Protein backbone atom coordinates (compact mmCIF):
# COMPACT_ATOMS: atom_id res chain seq x y z
CA MET A 1 13.51 -20.38 -2.19
CA LYS A 2 14.19 -18.58 -5.52
CA ALA A 3 10.51 -17.95 -6.23
CA PHE A 4 10.17 -16.35 -2.76
CA ARG A 5 13.28 -13.90 -3.49
CA ASN A 6 11.81 -13.28 -6.87
CA ARG A 7 8.45 -12.39 -5.39
CA ARG A 8 9.93 -10.15 -2.90
CA LYS A 9 12.15 -8.31 -5.31
CA THR A 10 9.12 -7.87 -7.65
CA GLY A 11 7.03 -6.61 -4.52
CA ALA A 12 9.83 -4.10 -3.80
CA GLN A 13 10.00 -2.92 -7.38
CA ALA A 14 6.12 -2.45 -7.27
CA GLU A 15 6.44 -0.39 -4.18
CA ASP A 16 9.36 1.63 -5.66
CA LEU A 17 6.85 2.52 -8.77
CA ALA A 18 4.02 3.22 -6.58
CA LEU A 19 6.05 5.48 -4.27
CA ALA A 20 7.25 7.40 -7.39
CA PHE A 21 3.72 7.63 -8.67
CA LEU A 22 2.15 8.90 -5.31
CA ARG A 23 5.17 11.28 -4.57
CA ALA A 24 4.65 12.77 -8.30
CA ARG A 25 0.93 13.62 -6.85
CA GLY A 26 2.14 15.32 -3.90
CA LEU A 27 2.20 12.76 -1.18
CA LYS A 28 5.08 12.61 1.36
CA LEU A 29 6.59 9.52 2.47
CA ARG A 30 6.44 8.91 6.24
CA ALA A 31 7.35 5.26 6.62
CA ARG A 32 8.08 2.28 4.36
CA ASN A 33 7.11 -1.22 5.32
CA PHE A 34 6.09 -0.49 8.71
CA SER A 35 5.51 -3.83 10.60
CA CYS A 36 4.25 -4.91 13.82
CA ARG A 37 2.90 -8.14 15.29
CA SER A 38 -0.48 -7.68 13.04
CA GLY A 39 1.35 -7.46 9.99
CA GLU A 40 2.88 -4.75 7.59
CA ILE A 41 2.01 -1.68 5.98
CA ASP A 42 3.75 -0.98 2.52
CA LEU A 43 3.84 2.80 2.50
CA ILE A 44 2.68 5.40 5.21
CA MET A 45 2.49 8.82 3.64
CA ASP A 46 1.34 12.39 4.39
CA HIS A 47 -1.44 13.85 1.73
CA GLY A 48 -2.24 17.33 3.01
CA ASP A 49 -3.83 16.99 6.32
CA SER A 50 -4.27 13.32 5.88
CA LEU A 51 -2.23 10.41 7.00
CA VAL A 52 -2.60 7.64 4.22
CA PHE A 53 -1.79 3.93 4.81
CA ILE A 54 -1.21 2.20 1.79
CA GLU A 55 -1.29 -1.32 0.51
CA VAL A 56 0.68 -1.80 -2.79
CA ARG A 57 -0.43 -4.87 -4.75
CA TYR A 58 1.36 -6.30 -7.76
CA ARG A 59 -0.62 -8.71 -10.26
CA ARG A 60 1.06 -10.08 -13.41
CA ARG A 61 -2.44 -11.02 -14.52
CA ASP A 62 -6.05 -10.28 -13.68
CA ASP A 63 -7.27 -14.17 -13.81
CA TYR A 64 -7.93 -13.99 -10.11
CA GLY A 65 -9.00 -10.48 -9.58
CA GLY A 66 -7.03 -7.21 -9.64
CA GLY A 67 -5.10 -5.54 -6.93
CA LEU A 68 -8.20 -4.35 -5.09
CA GLU A 69 -9.92 -7.52 -5.13
CA SER A 70 -6.88 -9.13 -3.65
CA VAL A 71 -7.02 -7.05 -0.53
CA ASP A 72 -9.63 -9.42 1.41
CA ALA A 73 -11.43 -8.77 4.66
CA ARG A 74 -8.62 -10.54 6.60
CA LYS A 75 -5.94 -8.57 4.77
CA ARG A 76 -7.75 -5.28 5.49
CA ALA A 77 -8.44 -6.13 9.27
CA ARG A 78 -4.55 -6.63 9.40
CA ILE A 79 -3.74 -3.39 7.91
CA VAL A 80 -6.23 -1.62 10.33
CA ARG A 81 -4.79 -3.31 13.16
CA CYS A 82 -1.20 -2.23 12.08
CA ALA A 83 -2.36 1.37 11.33
CA ARG A 84 -3.87 1.41 14.95
CA PHE A 85 -0.63 0.27 16.52
CA TYR A 86 1.36 2.92 14.27
CA LEU A 87 -1.11 5.65 15.60
CA HIS A 88 -0.73 4.42 19.17
CA SER A 89 3.08 4.57 18.71
CA HIS A 90 2.93 8.07 17.28
CA GLU A 91 0.55 9.82 19.79
CA LYS A 92 1.14 13.47 18.21
CA LEU A 93 -0.48 11.90 14.76
CA SER A 94 -3.48 10.32 16.48
CA GLY A 95 -5.64 13.43 15.89
CA ARG A 96 -5.18 13.53 12.10
CA PRO A 97 -7.76 12.31 9.58
CA ALA A 98 -6.44 8.88 8.24
CA ARG A 99 -7.47 6.90 5.06
CA PHE A 100 -6.63 3.27 3.57
CA ASP A 101 -5.63 3.54 -0.07
CA VAL A 102 -4.52 0.72 -2.50
CA VAL A 103 -2.16 1.08 -5.31
CA ALA A 104 -2.41 -1.88 -7.95
CA VAL A 105 0.41 -2.22 -10.15
CA SER A 106 0.42 -4.55 -13.40
CA PRO A 107 2.22 -5.00 -16.61
CA GLY A 108 1.15 -2.44 -19.18
CA GLN A 109 0.52 -2.88 -22.87
CA ARG A 110 4.18 -2.17 -23.66
CA PRO A 111 6.92 -3.87 -21.77
CA GLY A 112 8.74 -1.74 -19.38
CA GLU A 113 5.59 0.72 -19.03
CA PRO A 114 3.74 -0.68 -15.98
CA ARG A 115 -0.27 0.44 -15.29
CA ILE A 116 -0.66 1.91 -11.90
CA HIS A 117 -4.09 2.19 -10.59
CA TRP A 118 -4.40 4.30 -7.37
CA ILE A 119 -7.46 3.81 -5.38
CA PRO A 120 -7.81 6.47 -2.54
CA ASN A 121 -10.07 5.45 0.29
CA ALA A 122 -10.04 1.69 -0.91
CA PHE A 123 -11.72 0.73 2.43
CA GLU A 124 -12.57 2.02 5.93
CA ALA A 125 -11.33 1.05 9.46
CA PHE A 126 -14.30 -0.87 10.81
């Protein structure tokens, strides 16, 4: 149970870092940890005219692939289904362009300085 709590805490910290990083680049938070039956979307933000659905991934090491590689086809499908539910629930947003981004967070070269890699348009709804 302790490992689960630590993982959850680490995930929340990675989301905090990603949120600050994206806000500094002009994105505006619309929702955080939006969940539905299909799954969860970490961050939903506005970027200009676009609605952005963002998956935040933390990787302590890249042995098994980085953040982008960890968003496999099944995870992408869940995010897309959840995004469709969000748009269905917020009809006034359904006409806006939308995209799916991934923010990969990992430890940096120096302690306390994480490395953040933002991948806009990381994948498309199929």
